[in-house]
Amino acid sequence: MNIEIKNLKRCDLVTLSGRIDSETSPKLEKELAAITAADRFKFVLDLEKVEFMSSAGLRVLVNVQKLCKRYNRGEIVLARVPKNIFNALDLAGFTSIIKIFDDTTLAVGHF
């Protein structure tokens, strides 16, 4: 899994590629924790190049979303989610707690 982080004016754009599973999710969690430690709580995760996301990756999303939404500091939104990952998110009920956008520009504009 590759992680590319851009600090934009309104939020952080996190572009992910590869597989997010039990082996790679600790790396993602560590990177997102470093951003929240710097008091930045608004994220756009671009998942266009993500091939697979396991329950470990979903757990990272939920934990970081809870941290960001605490005290209304921010939130995570997803952009360009592949169909197979969208189906997994929908099946797990995540589409009601995490906003999903078809375009990265719209997701960044949300903030």
Protein backbone atom coordinates (compact mmCIF):
# COMPACT_ATOMS: atom_id res chain seq x y z
CA MET A 1 0.00 0.00 0.00
CA ASN A 2 1.21 3.49 -0.87
CA ILE A 3 0.11 6.60 0.99
CA GLU A 4 0.47 10.12 -0.38
CA ILE A 5 -0.59 13.03 1.84
CA LYS A 6 -1.18 16.61 0.66
CA ASN A 7 -1.93 19.29 3.21
CA LEU A 8 -4.48 21.56 1.52
CA LYS A 9 -5.95 24.80 2.83
CA ARG A 10 -9.17 23.25 4.16
CA CYS A 11 -8.23 19.61 4.69
CA ASP A 12 -5.69 16.85 4.12
CA LEU A 13 -5.96 14.84 0.91
CA VAL A 14 -4.79 11.27 1.50
CA THR A 15 -4.35 9.28 -1.71
CA LEU A 16 -4.15 5.54 -1.18
CA SER A 17 -3.22 2.75 -3.57
CA GLY A 18 -2.81 -1.01 -3.31
CA ARG A 19 -4.31 -3.26 -0.67
CA ILE A 20 -5.52 -2.21 2.77
CA ASP A 21 -5.53 -5.31 4.94
CA SER A 22 -4.30 -6.53 8.33
CA GLU A 23 -0.69 -6.19 7.19
CA THR A 24 -0.93 -2.63 5.85
CA SER A 25 -3.66 -1.05 8.00
CA PRO A 26 -1.30 -0.30 10.94
CA LYS A 27 0.76 1.88 8.56
CA LEU A 28 -2.39 3.77 7.50
CA GLU A 29 -3.47 4.17 11.11
CA LYS A 30 -0.03 5.52 12.05
CA GLU A 31 -0.04 8.07 9.19
CA LEU A 32 -3.53 9.32 10.04
CA ALA A 33 -2.65 9.48 13.74
CA ALA A 34 0.33 11.70 12.91
CA ILE A 35 -2.00 14.11 11.12
CA THR A 36 -4.53 14.20 13.96
CA ALA A 37 -1.68 14.72 16.44
CA ALA A 38 -0.96 17.95 14.53
CA ASP A 39 -4.56 19.07 15.26
CA ARG A 40 -5.83 18.47 11.73
CA PHE A 41 -9.10 16.54 11.67
CA LYS A 42 -10.52 17.00 8.16
CA PHE A 43 -9.57 14.25 5.70
CA VAL A 44 -10.41 13.31 2.15
CA LEU A 45 -9.36 9.75 1.38
CA ASP A 46 -8.99 9.14 -2.37
CA LEU A 47 -9.52 5.40 -2.85
CA GLU A 48 -9.48 5.25 -6.65
CA LYS A 49 -6.36 3.03 -6.78
CA VAL A 50 -7.23 0.82 -3.82
CA GLU A 51 -7.68 -2.76 -4.99
CA PHE A 52 -8.92 -4.35 -1.77
CA MET A 53 -9.94 -3.30 1.74
CA SER A 54 -10.37 -5.83 4.52
CA SER A 55 -12.19 -5.44 7.82
CA ALA A 56 -8.90 -4.17 9.32
CA GLY A 57 -9.02 -1.23 6.90
CA LEU A 58 -12.67 -0.59 7.73
CA ARG A 59 -11.76 -0.57 11.44
CA VAL A 60 -9.15 2.15 10.81
CA LEU A 61 -11.77 4.26 9.03
CA VAL A 62 -14.25 3.94 11.89
CA ASN A 63 -11.68 4.70 14.60
CA VAL A 64 -10.34 7.78 12.83
CA GLN A 65 -13.87 8.96 12.00
CA LYS A 66 -14.82 8.74 15.68
CA LEU A 67 -11.71 10.69 16.66
CA CYS A 68 -12.32 13.39 14.04
CA LYS A 69 -16.00 13.85 14.86
CA ARG A 70 -15.35 14.10 18.59
CA TYR A 71 -16.11 17.66 19.69
CA ASN A 72 -17.15 18.47 16.07
CA ARG A 73 -13.53 18.96 14.98
CA GLY A 74 -13.88 17.41 11.53
CA GLU A 75 -14.57 14.19 9.67
CA ILE A 76 -13.35 11.75 7.06
CA VAL A 77 -14.93 11.74 3.61
CA LEU A 78 -14.14 9.31 0.81
CA ALA A 79 -13.62 10.08 -2.86
CA ARG A 80 -13.58 7.94 -6.01
CA VAL A 81 -14.43 4.71 -4.22
CA PRO A 82 -14.18 1.58 -6.42
CA LYS A 83 -17.39 -0.43 -6.80
CA ASN A 84 -16.16 -3.48 -4.85
CA ILE A 85 -15.09 -1.34 -1.88
CA PHE A 86 -18.31 0.70 -2.02
CA ASN A 87 -20.28 -2.55 -1.84
CA ALA A 88 -18.32 -3.63 1.25
CA LEU A 89 -18.84 -0.22 2.89
CA ASP A 90 -22.56 -0.34 2.10
CA LEU A 91 -22.93 -3.90 3.40
CA ALA A 92 -21.19 -2.95 6.66
CA GLY A 93 -23.44 0.11 7.07
CA PHE A 94 -20.61 2.63 6.67
CA THR A 95 -22.36 4.65 3.97
CA SER A 96 -24.53 6.21 6.67
CA ILE A 97 -21.57 7.42 8.78
CA ILE A 98 -19.00 8.33 6.10
CA LYS A 99 -19.79 10.64 3.19
CA ILE A 100 -18.75 9.40 -0.25
CA PHE A 101 -18.08 11.61 -3.27
CA ASP A 102 -17.55 10.68 -6.93
CA ASP A 103 -14.87 13.34 -7.40
CA THR A 104 -11.94 14.50 -5.27
CA THR A 105 -12.67 18.17 -6.00
CA LEU A 106 -16.22 17.82 -4.66
CA ALA A 107 -14.94 16.04 -1.58
CA VAL A 108 -12.39 18.77 -0.81
CA GLY A 109 -15.08 21.41 -1.50
CA HIS A 110 -17.25 19.75 1.17
CA PHE A 111 -15.00 21.37 3.78
